[in-house]
N, C-alpha and C. Protein backbone atom coordinates (compact mmCIF):
# COMPACT_ATOMS: atom_id res chain seq x y z
N MET A 1 0.85 -1.18 0.00
CA MET A 1 0.00 0.00 0.00
C MET A 1 0.90 1.24 0.00
N SER A 2 0.56 2.20 -0.84
CA SER A 2 1.35 3.43 -0.89
C SER A 2 1.07 4.30 0.34
N ASP A 3 1.95 5.26 0.57
CA ASP A 3 1.75 6.19 1.69
C ASP A 3 0.44 6.96 1.51
N LEU A 4 0.15 7.39 0.29
CA LEU A 4 -1.09 8.12 0.04
C LEU A 4 -2.30 7.25 0.31
N ALA A 5 -2.26 6.01 -0.13
CA ALA A 5 -3.37 5.09 0.12
C ALA A 5 -3.56 4.89 1.63
N ALA A 6 -2.46 4.79 2.36
CA ALA A 6 -2.54 4.63 3.82
C ALA A 6 -3.19 5.85 4.47
N ALA A 7 -2.84 7.04 3.99
CA ALA A 7 -3.44 8.26 4.53
C ALA A 7 -4.92 8.32 4.22
N LEU A 8 -5.27 7.93 3.00
CA LEU A 8 -6.69 7.98 2.60
C LEU A 8 -7.53 6.96 3.35
N GLU A 9 -6.91 5.88 3.80
CA GLU A 9 -7.63 4.92 4.64
C GLU A 9 -8.13 5.59 5.92
N ILE A 10 -7.40 6.60 6.38
CA ILE A 10 -7.75 7.29 7.62
C ILE A 10 -8.63 8.50 7.36
N VAL A 11 -8.26 9.36 6.42
CA VAL A 11 -8.99 10.63 6.25
C VAL A 11 -9.73 10.74 4.93
N GLY A 12 -9.78 9.65 4.16
CA GLY A 12 -10.44 9.72 2.87
C GLY A 12 -11.93 9.45 2.90
N SER A 13 -12.46 9.04 4.03
CA SER A 13 -13.89 8.78 4.14
C SER A 13 -14.68 10.08 4.14
N ARG A 14 -15.90 10.01 3.64
CA ARG A 14 -16.76 11.18 3.61
C ARG A 14 -16.84 11.81 5.00
N TRP A 15 -16.68 13.10 5.09
CA TRP A 15 -16.76 13.94 6.28
C TRP A 15 -15.47 13.99 7.09
N ALA A 16 -14.55 13.05 6.95
CA ALA A 16 -13.39 12.99 7.84
C ALA A 16 -12.56 14.27 7.78
N LEU A 17 -12.19 14.73 6.60
CA LEU A 17 -11.37 15.95 6.52
C LEU A 17 -12.14 17.19 6.95
N LEU A 18 -13.45 17.22 6.71
CA LEU A 18 -14.25 18.36 7.16
C LEU A 18 -14.29 18.43 8.68
N ILE A 19 -14.35 17.28 9.32
CA ILE A 19 -14.32 17.22 10.78
C ILE A 19 -12.97 17.74 11.28
N VAL A 20 -11.89 17.24 10.68
CA VAL A 20 -10.55 17.67 11.10
C VAL A 20 -10.37 19.16 10.84
N GLU A 21 -10.83 19.63 9.69
CA GLU A 21 -10.72 21.07 9.38
C GLU A 21 -11.41 21.91 10.45
N ARG A 22 -12.61 21.52 10.83
CA ARG A 22 -13.36 22.27 11.84
C ARG A 22 -12.64 22.25 13.18
N MET A 23 -11.97 21.15 13.48
CA MET A 23 -11.29 21.02 14.76
C MET A 23 -9.99 21.81 14.82
N HIS A 24 -9.51 22.31 13.69
CA HIS A 24 -8.32 23.16 13.73
C HIS A 24 -8.61 24.47 14.45
N ASP A 25 -9.88 24.80 14.66
CA ASP A 25 -10.24 25.99 15.42
C ASP A 25 -10.17 25.76 16.93
N GLY A 26 -9.91 24.53 17.33
CA GLY A 26 -9.83 24.21 18.76
C GLY A 26 -10.78 23.08 19.10
N PRO A 27 -10.82 22.69 20.37
CA PRO A 27 -11.69 21.59 20.78
C PRO A 27 -13.14 21.84 20.36
N GLN A 28 -13.81 20.77 19.97
CA GLN A 28 -15.19 20.88 19.50
C GLN A 28 -16.07 19.87 20.22
N ARG A 29 -17.25 20.33 20.60
CA ARG A 29 -18.24 19.43 21.18
C ARG A 29 -18.93 18.66 20.07
N TYR A 30 -19.36 17.47 20.40
CA TYR A 30 -20.04 16.61 19.44
C TYR A 30 -21.22 17.33 18.79
N GLY A 31 -22.09 17.90 19.60
CA GLY A 31 -23.28 18.57 19.08
C GLY A 31 -22.96 19.76 18.19
N ASP A 32 -21.91 20.50 18.54
CA ASP A 32 -21.52 21.64 17.71
C ASP A 32 -21.00 21.17 16.35
N LEU A 33 -20.21 20.10 16.34
CA LEU A 33 -19.73 19.54 15.07
C LEU A 33 -20.92 19.12 14.20
N GLN A 34 -21.86 18.42 14.81
CA GLN A 34 -23.01 17.92 14.06
C GLN A 34 -23.80 19.08 13.46
N ARG A 35 -24.05 20.08 14.25
CA ARG A 35 -24.86 21.23 13.82
C ARG A 35 -24.13 22.05 12.75
N GLU A 36 -22.86 22.36 12.98
CA GLU A 36 -22.11 23.23 12.06
C GLU A 36 -21.79 22.56 10.73
N LEU A 37 -21.52 21.27 10.76
CA LEU A 37 -21.18 20.57 9.52
C LEU A 37 -22.41 20.00 8.81
N GLY A 38 -23.48 19.78 9.56
CA GLY A 38 -24.67 19.18 8.97
C GLY A 38 -24.50 17.70 8.68
N VAL A 39 -23.55 17.07 9.33
CA VAL A 39 -23.30 15.65 9.14
C VAL A 39 -24.32 14.84 9.94
N PRO A 40 -24.87 13.78 9.34
CA PRO A 40 -25.80 12.93 10.10
C PRO A 40 -25.12 12.39 11.35
N THR A 41 -25.85 12.32 12.44
CA THR A 41 -25.26 11.98 13.73
C THR A 41 -24.61 10.60 13.73
N ASN A 42 -25.21 9.62 13.05
CA ASN A 42 -24.59 8.28 13.02
C ASN A 42 -23.27 8.32 12.26
N MET A 43 -23.19 9.12 11.20
CA MET A 43 -21.96 9.25 10.42
C MET A 43 -20.90 9.96 11.25
N LEU A 44 -21.30 11.01 11.97
CA LEU A 44 -20.35 11.74 12.81
C LEU A 44 -19.75 10.82 13.87
N ALA A 45 -20.60 10.05 14.53
CA ALA A 45 -20.12 9.12 15.56
C ALA A 45 -19.12 8.13 14.98
N THR A 46 -19.42 7.61 13.81
CA THR A 46 -18.52 6.65 13.16
C THR A 46 -17.19 7.30 12.81
N ARG A 47 -17.23 8.48 12.19
CA ARG A 47 -15.99 9.15 11.79
C ARG A 47 -15.15 9.53 13.00
N LEU A 48 -15.78 10.02 14.06
CA LEU A 48 -15.03 10.38 15.26
C LEU A 48 -14.35 9.17 15.86
N ARG A 49 -15.05 8.04 15.90
CA ARG A 49 -14.44 6.81 16.41
C ARG A 49 -13.24 6.40 15.55
N GLU A 50 -13.40 6.47 14.22
CA GLU A 50 -12.31 6.10 13.32
C GLU A 50 -11.11 7.02 13.48
N LEU A 51 -11.37 8.32 13.56
CA LEU A 51 -10.28 9.29 13.71
C LEU A 51 -9.59 9.15 15.06
N GLU A 52 -10.37 8.83 16.08
CA GLU A 52 -9.78 8.61 17.41
C GLU A 52 -8.91 7.34 17.39
N SER A 53 -9.40 6.28 16.77
CA SER A 53 -8.63 5.03 16.69
C SER A 53 -7.33 5.22 15.91
N ALA A 54 -7.35 6.11 14.93
CA ALA A 54 -6.16 6.36 14.10
C ALA A 54 -5.20 7.34 14.75
N GLY A 55 -5.57 7.88 15.92
CA GLY A 55 -4.68 8.81 16.62
C GLY A 55 -4.72 10.22 16.08
N VAL A 56 -5.77 10.58 15.34
CA VAL A 56 -5.90 11.92 14.76
C VAL A 56 -6.53 12.88 15.77
N LEU A 57 -7.39 12.37 16.62
CA LEU A 57 -8.02 13.19 17.65
C LEU A 57 -8.18 12.36 18.91
N ARG A 58 -8.50 13.06 19.98
CA ARG A 58 -8.78 12.36 21.24
C ARG A 58 -9.97 13.01 21.91
N ARG A 59 -10.63 12.23 22.72
CA ARG A 59 -11.82 12.68 23.43
C ARG A 59 -11.41 13.44 24.69
N LEU A 60 -12.12 14.51 24.96
CA LEU A 60 -11.89 15.28 26.18
C LEU A 60 -12.97 14.94 27.19
N PRO A 61 -12.60 14.79 28.44
CA PRO A 61 -13.63 14.53 29.47
C PRO A 61 -14.40 15.81 29.79
N LEU A 62 -15.71 15.73 29.71
CA LEU A 62 -16.58 16.84 30.07
C LEU A 62 -17.60 16.36 31.09
N LYS A 63 -18.27 17.30 31.72
CA LYS A 63 -19.31 16.96 32.69
C LYS A 63 -20.59 16.55 31.98
N HIS A 64 -21.43 15.84 32.68
CA HIS A 64 -22.78 15.49 32.22
C HIS A 64 -22.78 14.65 30.95
N ASN A 65 -21.82 13.76 30.79
CA ASN A 65 -21.73 12.86 29.63
C ASN A 65 -21.62 13.58 28.29
N ALA A 66 -21.29 14.85 28.30
CA ALA A 66 -21.07 15.56 27.04
C ALA A 66 -19.73 15.10 26.48
N ARG A 67 -19.62 15.14 25.16
CA ARG A 67 -18.38 14.73 24.51
C ARG A 67 -17.79 15.89 23.73
N ALA A 68 -16.49 16.01 23.83
CA ALA A 68 -15.76 16.99 23.03
C ALA A 68 -14.49 16.31 22.55
N TYR A 69 -13.95 16.85 21.49
CA TYR A 69 -12.77 16.25 20.86
C TYR A 69 -11.76 17.33 20.56
N VAL A 70 -10.49 16.93 20.56
CA VAL A 70 -9.39 17.82 20.24
C VAL A 70 -8.41 17.05 19.35
N LEU A 71 -7.77 17.77 18.45
CA LEU A 71 -6.79 17.13 17.58
C LEU A 71 -5.54 16.76 18.35
N THR A 72 -4.95 15.67 17.97
CA THR A 72 -3.64 15.28 18.48
C THR A 72 -2.59 15.95 17.61
N GLU A 73 -1.34 15.71 17.93
CA GLU A 73 -0.25 16.22 17.09
C GLU A 73 -0.38 15.68 15.66
N ARG A 74 -0.78 14.43 15.55
CA ARG A 74 -0.98 13.83 14.22
C ARG A 74 -2.10 14.53 13.46
N GLY A 75 -3.15 14.89 14.16
CA GLY A 75 -4.25 15.61 13.52
C GLY A 75 -3.85 17.02 13.12
N GLU A 76 -3.09 17.69 13.97
CA GLU A 76 -2.60 19.03 13.65
C GLU A 76 -1.71 19.01 12.42
N ALA A 77 -1.00 17.90 12.21
CA ALA A 77 -0.11 17.78 11.06
C ALA A 77 -0.86 17.78 9.73
N LEU A 78 -2.16 17.60 9.77
CA LEU A 78 -2.97 17.62 8.55
C LEU A 78 -3.30 19.04 8.07
N ARG A 79 -3.00 20.04 8.87
CA ARG A 79 -3.37 21.42 8.53
C ARG A 79 -2.89 21.83 7.13
N GLY A 80 -1.63 21.60 6.81
CA GLY A 80 -1.10 22.00 5.51
C GLY A 80 -1.80 21.29 4.36
N ALA A 81 -2.07 20.01 4.53
CA ALA A 81 -2.76 19.25 3.48
C ALA A 81 -4.18 19.77 3.28
N ILE A 82 -4.86 20.09 4.37
CA ILE A 82 -6.23 20.59 4.27
C ILE A 82 -6.24 21.97 3.62
N GLU A 83 -5.30 22.82 3.99
CA GLU A 83 -5.22 24.14 3.36
C GLU A 83 -4.93 24.02 1.87
N ALA A 84 -4.02 23.11 1.50
CA ALA A 84 -3.69 22.91 0.09
C ALA A 84 -4.90 22.40 -0.69
N LEU A 85 -5.65 21.48 -0.11
CA LEU A 85 -6.86 20.98 -0.78
C LEU A 85 -7.91 22.07 -0.93
N GLY A 86 -8.02 22.93 0.08
CA GLY A 86 -8.94 24.06 -0.02
C GLY A 86 -8.57 25.01 -1.14
N GLU A 87 -7.28 25.29 -1.25
CA GLU A 87 -6.80 26.16 -2.34
C GLU A 87 -7.05 25.51 -3.70
N TRP A 88 -6.82 24.23 -3.79
CA TRP A 88 -7.06 23.50 -5.03
C TRP A 88 -8.53 23.56 -5.42
N GLY A 89 -9.41 23.37 -4.44
CA GLY A 89 -10.84 23.46 -4.71
C GLY A 89 -11.27 24.86 -5.12
N ARG A 90 -10.72 25.86 -4.47
CA ARG A 90 -11.03 27.25 -4.79
C ARG A 90 -10.56 27.59 -6.20
N ALA A 91 -9.38 27.15 -6.58
CA ALA A 91 -8.84 27.43 -7.92
C ALA A 91 -9.71 26.77 -8.99
N GLY A 92 -10.17 25.57 -8.73
CA GLY A 92 -11.05 24.90 -9.68
C GLY A 92 -12.39 25.58 -9.81
N ARG A 93 -12.91 26.05 -8.70
CA ARG A 93 -14.20 26.77 -8.72
C ARG A 93 -14.03 28.09 -9.46
N ASP A 94 -12.94 28.81 -9.18
CA ASP A 94 -12.69 30.09 -9.85
C ASP A 94 -12.51 29.88 -11.36
N ALA A 95 -11.81 28.82 -11.75
CA ALA A 95 -11.58 28.55 -13.17
C ALA A 95 -12.89 28.23 -13.87
N SER A 96 -13.79 27.52 -13.19
CA SER A 96 -15.04 27.14 -13.82
C SER A 96 -16.02 28.32 -13.93
N THR A 97 -15.82 29.34 -13.10
CA THR A 97 -16.69 30.53 -13.18
C THR A 97 -16.04 31.65 -13.97
N GLY A 98 -14.79 31.42 -14.39
CA GLY A 98 -14.09 32.40 -15.22
C GLY A 98 -13.41 33.52 -14.45
N SER A 99 -13.39 33.44 -13.13
CA SER A 99 -12.70 34.48 -12.35
C SER A 99 -11.41 33.92 -11.83
N ALA A 100 -10.33 34.51 -12.24
CA ALA A 100 -8.99 34.07 -11.80
C ALA A 100 -8.60 34.84 -10.56
N THR A 101 -8.01 34.11 -9.60
CA THR A 101 -7.47 34.78 -8.40
C THR A 101 -5.98 34.68 -8.46
N GLN A 102 -5.33 35.66 -7.94
CA GLN A 102 -3.87 35.69 -7.92
C GLN A 102 -3.40 35.37 -6.53
């Protein structure tokens, strides 16, 4: 398996990178992630479990059985890749609408 394939096994699933991107703003509560991203709750639970198992994020202890998550060092290391993908998406959108950005 290539290095890229190994990375995609972890963050290539639907919603995974959007969850990580949102968490670059700091720790996030489960309900806030669900509401802000619009991800179905069962999908969010699955992705969070997968990302936690892969060492990308960890659960924070909160009161009243609330759940929050924070990125690990491994998750923080995805920042550059996420920013590059965002730029790539923006360039493609700009090209398709005919507006070039410098």
